[in-house]
């Protein structure tokens, strides 16, 4: 199962949120104590809202494990934000480990991430895609149930110019 953290509050150094705590997201991604599989190794992503680009988030995603993403660790020691989404992925069976399947997903001012799986997604995927407006359908880059759920959300909030 995936793990994530969502933070909103006073400005925080990303390293203090994601690396420093004893039970930080990055540490949990390598040493999950209460899981049958002790790690989340199928990708890592973070989205944050820098004050200078508000209300649009910056996103960094990688199909590599969080503990192996050294470039991000360096960036995290120099980046501050009041709003952060971070996600470590354990891919659902049958879904590819690739950047386009890594959370969080972004469109305009929105970020989205999801933990768990949509039951019977393979059975409902085609019908779900057919229910989407063209622009929401075309926004899907990967193959995950989570990104399809995000496309449904985007379709509901009002079209390609929803900000």
C-alpha atoms as a PDB file:
ATOM      1  CA  UNK A   1       0.000   0.000   0.000  1.00  0.00           C
ATOM      2  CA  UNK A   2       1.165   3.525  -0.739  1.00  0.00           C
ATOM      3  CA  UNK A   3       1.968   6.093   1.931  1.00  0.00           C
ATOM      4  CA  UNK A   4       1.622   9.834   1.793  1.00  0.00           C
ATOM      5  CA  UNK A   5       1.776  13.033   3.763  1.00  0.00           C
ATOM      6  CA  UNK A   6      -0.258  16.188   3.196  1.00  0.00           C
ATOM      7  CA  UNK A   7       0.848  19.298   5.058  1.00  0.00           C
ATOM      8  CA  UNK A   8      -0.574  22.796   5.351  1.00  0.00           C
ATOM      9  CA  UNK A   9       0.675  25.249   7.955  1.00  0.00           C
ATOM     10  CA  UNK A  10       3.562  27.538   8.719  1.00  0.00           C
ATOM     11  CA  UNK A  11       6.409  27.466   6.158  1.00  0.00           C
ATOM     12  CA  UNK A  12       8.489  24.332   6.612  1.00  0.00           C
ATOM     13  CA  UNK A  13      11.752  23.126   5.098  1.00  0.00           C
ATOM     14  CA  UNK A  14      10.836  20.073   3.026  1.00  0.00           C
ATOM     15  CA  UNK A  15      13.731  18.106   4.539  1.00  0.00           C
ATOM     16  CA  UNK A  16      12.334  18.763   8.034  1.00  0.00           C
ATOM     17  CA  UNK A  17       8.996  17.288   6.968  1.00  0.00           C
ATOM     18  CA  UNK A  18      10.107  14.368   4.789  1.00  0.00           C
ATOM     19  CA  UNK A  19      13.541  13.284   6.049  1.00  0.00           C
ATOM     20  CA  UNK A  20      14.184  14.493   9.587  1.00  0.00           C
ATOM     21  CA  UNK A  21      11.404  13.015  11.787  1.00  0.00           C
ATOM     22  CA  UNK A  22      11.973   9.569  13.315  1.00  0.00           C
ATOM     23  CA  UNK A  23       8.955   8.239  11.382  1.00  0.00           C
ATOM     24  CA  UNK A  24       9.381  10.418   8.301  1.00  0.00           C
ATOM     25  CA  UNK A  25       7.764   9.444   5.016  1.00  0.00           C
ATOM     26  CA  UNK A  26      11.136   8.639   3.458  1.00  0.00           C
ATOM     27  CA  UNK A  27      12.166   6.470   6.424  1.00  0.00           C
ATOM     28  CA  UNK A  28       8.797   4.687   6.370  1.00  0.00           C
ATOM     29  CA  UNK A  29       9.215   4.007   2.664  1.00  0.00           C
ATOM     30  CA  UNK A  30      12.282   1.895   3.460  1.00  0.00           C
ATOM     31  CA  UNK A  31      11.409   0.472   6.887  1.00  0.00           C
ATOM     32  CA  UNK A  32       7.653  -0.020   7.122  1.00  0.00           C
ATOM     33  CA  UNK A  33       7.214  -1.732  10.468  1.00  0.00           C
ATOM     34  CA  UNK A  34       3.559  -2.761  10.249  1.00  0.00           C
ATOM     35  CA  UNK A  35       3.356  -3.982   6.669  1.00  0.00           C
ATOM     36  CA  UNK A  36       3.830  -7.430   5.136  1.00  0.00           C
ATOM     37  CA  UNK A  37       6.050  -5.788   2.516  1.00  0.00           C
ATOM     38  CA  UNK A  38       8.536  -3.639   4.449  1.00  0.00           C
ATOM     39  CA  UNK A  39       9.118  -0.956   1.810  1.00  0.00           C
ATOM     40  CA  UNK A  40       7.570   1.281  -0.841  1.00  0.00           C
ATOM     41  CA  UNK A  41       9.946   1.102  -3.780  1.00  0.00           C
ATOM     42  CA  UNK A  42       7.790   1.844  -6.822  1.00  0.00           C
ATOM     43  CA  UNK A  43       8.199   5.603  -7.000  1.00  0.00           C
ATOM     44  CA  UNK A  44       8.258   8.834  -5.088  1.00  0.00           C
ATOM     45  CA  UNK A  45       6.655  12.173  -5.767  1.00  0.00           C
ATOM     46  CA  UNK A  46       6.219  15.535  -4.145  1.00  0.00           C
ATOM     47  CA  UNK A  47       4.180  18.586  -4.976  1.00  0.00           C
ATOM     48  CA  UNK A  48       4.514  21.912  -3.186  1.00  0.00           C
ATOM     49  CA  UNK A  49       3.251  25.432  -3.578  1.00  0.00           C
ATOM     50  CA  UNK A  50       6.124  27.925  -3.632  1.00  0.00           C
ATOM     51  CA  UNK A  51       5.053  31.414  -2.591  1.00  0.00           C
ATOM     52  CA  UNK A  52       6.425  32.944  -5.800  1.00  0.00           C
ATOM     53  CA  UNK A  53       4.292  30.700  -8.075  1.00  0.00           C
ATOM     54  CA  UNK A  54       1.085  30.599  -6.050  1.00  0.00           C
ATOM     55  CA  UNK A  55      -1.463  29.217  -6.698  1.00  0.00           C
ATOM     56  CA  UNK A  56       0.320  26.752  -9.005  1.00  0.00           C
ATOM     57  CA  UNK A  57       2.264  23.833  -7.538  1.00  0.00           C
ATOM     58  CA  UNK A  58       5.657  22.499  -8.507  1.00  0.00           C
ATOM     59  CA  UNK A  59       5.875  18.719  -8.891  1.00  0.00           C
ATOM     60  CA  UNK A  60       8.826  16.352  -8.863  1.00  0.00           C
ATOM     61  CA  UNK A  61       8.150  12.670  -9.552  1.00  0.00           C
ATOM     62  CA  UNK A  62      10.452   9.712  -9.975  1.00  0.00           C
ATOM     63  CA  UNK A  63       9.891   5.991 -10.505  1.00  0.00           C
ATOM     64  CA  UNK A  64      12.830   5.332  -8.158  1.00  0.00           C
ATOM     65  CA  UNK A  65      12.402   4.782  -4.409  1.00  0.00           C
ATOM     66  CA  UNK A  66      12.314   7.844  -2.140  1.00  0.00           C
ATOM     67  CA  UNK A  67      15.483   6.805  -0.316  1.00  0.00           C
ATOM     68  CA  UNK A  68      17.355   6.622  -3.640  1.00  0.00           C
ATOM     69  CA  UNK A  69      16.263  10.025  -4.962  1.00  0.00           C
ATOM     70  CA  UNK A  70      19.395  11.959  -3.946  1.00  0.00           C
ATOM     71  CA  UNK A  71      18.717  14.984  -6.144  1.00  0.00           C
ATOM     72  CA  UNK A  72      15.443  15.542  -4.341  1.00  0.00           C
ATOM     73  CA  UNK A  73      17.072  15.163  -0.939  1.00  0.00           C
ATOM     74  CA  UNK A  74      19.456  17.975  -1.859  1.00  0.00           C
ATOM     75  CA  UNK A  75      16.577  20.136  -3.105  1.00  0.00           C
ATOM     76  CA  UNK A  76      14.557  19.395   0.060  1.00  0.00           C
ATOM     77  CA  UNK A  77      17.276  20.994   2.189  1.00  0.00           C
ATOM     78  CA  UNK A  78      16.832  24.267   0.279  1.00  0.00           C
ATOM     79  CA  UNK A  79      13.051  24.412  -0.297  1.00  0.00           C
ATOM     80  CA  UNK A  80      10.382  25.868   1.989  1.00  0.00           C
ATOM     81  CA  UNK A  81       6.605  25.632   1.531  1.00  0.00           C
ATOM     82  CA  UNK A  82       3.352  26.116   3.431  1.00  0.00           C
ATOM     83  CA  UNK A  83       1.565  23.362   1.444  1.00  0.00           C
ATOM     84  CA  UNK A  84       3.082  19.987   0.578  1.00  0.00           C
ATOM     85  CA  UNK A  85       1.831  16.673  -0.869  1.00  0.00           C
ATOM     86  CA  UNK A  86       4.340  13.799  -0.820  1.00  0.00           C
ATOM     87  CA  UNK A  87       3.737  10.200  -1.833  1.00  0.00           C
ATOM     88  CA  UNK A  88       5.687   6.929  -1.861  1.00  0.00           C
ATOM     89  CA  UNK A  89       4.256   4.269  -4.124  1.00  0.00           C
ATOM     90  CA  UNK A  90       3.699   0.553  -3.841  1.00  0.00           C
ATOM     91  CA  UNK A  91       2.318  -0.243  -7.285  1.00  0.00           C
ATOM     92  CA  UNK A  92      -0.948  -2.120  -7.587  1.00  0.00           C
ATOM     93  CA  UNK A  93      -0.482  -5.546  -9.185  1.00  0.00           C
ATOM     94  CA  UNK A  94      -0.254  -5.283 -12.957  1.00  0.00           C
ATOM     95  CA  UNK A  95       0.415  -1.523 -13.082  1.00  0.00           C
ATOM     96  CA  UNK A  96       3.736  -0.316 -14.476  1.00  0.00           C
ATOM     97  CA  UNK A  97       6.410   1.351 -12.382  1.00  0.00           C
ATOM     98  CA  UNK A  98       6.985   4.513 -14.408  1.00  0.00           C
ATOM     99  CA  UNK A  99       7.029   8.265 -13.839  1.00  0.00           C
ATOM    100  CA  UNK A 100       3.579   8.824 -15.344  1.00  0.00           C
ATOM    101  CA  UNK A 101       2.075   6.491 -12.716  1.00  0.00           C
ATOM    102  CA  UNK A 102       3.757   8.263  -9.809  1.00  0.00           C
ATOM    103  CA  UNK A 103       1.768  10.584  -7.555  1.00  0.00           C
ATOM    104  CA  UNK A 104       0.984  13.393  -6.988  1.00  0.00           C
ATOM    105  CA  UNK A 105      -0.784  14.286 -10.200  1.00  0.00           C
ATOM    106  CA  UNK A 106      -1.128  17.956 -11.162  1.00  0.00           C
ATOM    107  CA  UNK A 107      -3.432  20.059 -13.283  1.00  0.00           C
ATOM    108  CA  UNK A 108      -3.468  23.849 -12.972  1.00  0.00           C
ATOM    109  CA  UNK A 109      -3.701  24.675  -9.277  1.00  0.00           C
ATOM    110  CA  UNK A 110      -4.774  21.159  -8.274  1.00  0.00           C
ATOM    111  CA  UNK A 111      -2.697  18.328  -6.845  1.00  0.00           C
ATOM    112  CA  UNK A 112      -4.074  14.836  -6.290  1.00  0.00           C
ATOM    113  CA  UNK A 113      -2.810  11.664  -4.675  1.00  0.00           C
ATOM    114  CA  UNK A 114      -4.502   8.503  -3.524  1.00  0.00           C
ATOM    115  CA  UNK A 115      -3.791   5.579  -1.247  1.00  0.00           C
ATOM    116  CA  UNK A 116      -5.359   2.237  -1.987  1.00  0.00           C
ATOM    117  CA  UNK A 117      -6.977   0.909  -5.100  1.00  0.00           C
ATOM    118  CA  UNK A 118     -10.251   1.184  -6.967  1.00  0.00           C
ATOM    119  CA  UNK A 119     -11.802  -2.290  -6.921  1.00  0.00           C
ATOM    120  CA  UNK A 120     -12.432  -3.856 -10.313  1.00  0.00           C
ATOM    121  CA  UNK A 121     -10.680  -0.938 -12.024  1.00  0.00           C
ATOM    122  CA  UNK A 122      -9.795  -3.073 -15.048  1.00  0.00           C
ATOM    123  CA  UNK A 123     -13.508  -3.843 -15.526  1.00  0.00           C
ATOM    124  CA  UNK A 124     -14.716  -0.238 -15.238  1.00  0.00           C
ATOM    125  CA  UNK A 125     -11.776   1.570 -16.849  1.00  0.00           C
ATOM    126  CA  UNK A 126     -13.180   1.774 -20.377  1.00  0.00           C
ATOM    127  CA  UNK A 127     -16.633   2.942 -19.224  1.00  0.00           C
ATOM    128  CA  UNK A 128     -15.019   5.503 -16.912  1.00  0.00           C
ATOM    129  CA  UNK A 129     -12.871   6.867 -19.761  1.00  0.00           C
ATOM    130  CA  UNK A 130     -15.910   7.131 -22.024  1.00  0.00           C
ATOM    131  CA  UNK A 131     -17.722   9.202 -19.395  1.00  0.00           C
ATOM    132  CA  UNK A 132     -14.969  11.858 -19.340  1.00  0.00           C
ATOM    133  CA  UNK A 133     -14.923  15.024 -21.403  1.00  0.00           C
ATOM    134  CA  UNK A 134     -12.217  15.070 -24.071  1.00  0.00           C
ATOM    135  CA  UNK A 135      -9.878  17.396 -22.166  1.00  0.00           C
ATOM    136  CA  UNK A 136     -10.078  15.295 -18.951  1.00  0.00           C
ATOM    137  CA  UNK A 137      -9.495  12.086 -20.895  1.00  0.00           C
ATOM    138  CA  UNK A 138      -6.507  13.652 -22.672  1.00  0.00           C
ATOM    139  CA  UNK A 139      -5.018  14.746 -19.327  1.00  0.00           C
ATOM    140  CA  UNK A 140      -4.421  11.106 -18.350  1.00  0.00           C
ATOM    141  CA  UNK A 141      -0.794  10.170 -18.960  1.00  0.00           C
ATOM    142  CA  UNK A 142      -0.461   6.939 -16.978  1.00  0.00           C
ATOM    143  CA  UNK A 143      -2.450   3.798 -16.297  1.00  0.00           C
ATOM    144  CA  UNK A 144      -3.385   4.091 -12.616  1.00  0.00           C
ATOM    145  CA  UNK A 145      -6.819   4.058 -11.073  1.00  0.00           C
ATOM    146  CA  UNK A 146      -5.690   7.102  -9.064  1.00  0.00           C
ATOM    147  CA  UNK A 147      -5.035   9.245 -12.114  1.00  0.00           C
ATOM    148  CA  UNK A 148      -8.394   8.243 -13.556  1.00  0.00           C
ATOM    149  CA  UNK A 149     -10.047   9.286 -10.272  1.00  0.00           C
ATOM    150  CA  UNK A 150      -8.269  12.643 -10.615  1.00  0.00           C
ATOM    151  CA  UNK A 151      -9.597  12.976 -14.182  1.00  0.00           C
ATOM    152  CA  UNK A 152     -13.136  12.430 -12.835  1.00  0.00           C
ATOM    153  CA  UNK A 153     -12.524  15.189 -10.281  1.00  0.00           C
ATOM    154  CA  UNK A 154     -11.223  17.555 -12.961  1.00  0.00           C
ATOM    155  CA  UNK A 155     -14.209  16.809 -15.162  1.00  0.00           C
ATOM    156  CA  UNK A 156     -16.510  17.770 -12.285  1.00  0.00           C
ATOM    157  CA  UNK A 157     -14.740  21.070 -11.437  1.00  0.00           C
ATOM    158  CA  UNK A 158     -15.388  22.559 -14.787  1.00  0.00           C
ATOM    159  CA  UNK A 159     -13.325  21.789 -17.815  1.00  0.00           C
ATOM    160  CA  UNK A 160      -9.844  22.497 -19.116  1.00  0.00           C
ATOM    161  CA  UNK A 161      -9.710  26.041 -17.730  1.00  0.00           C
ATOM    162  CA  UNK A 162     -10.616  25.042 -14.157  1.00  0.00           C
ATOM    163  CA  UNK A 163      -8.179  26.898 -11.990  1.00  0.00           C
END
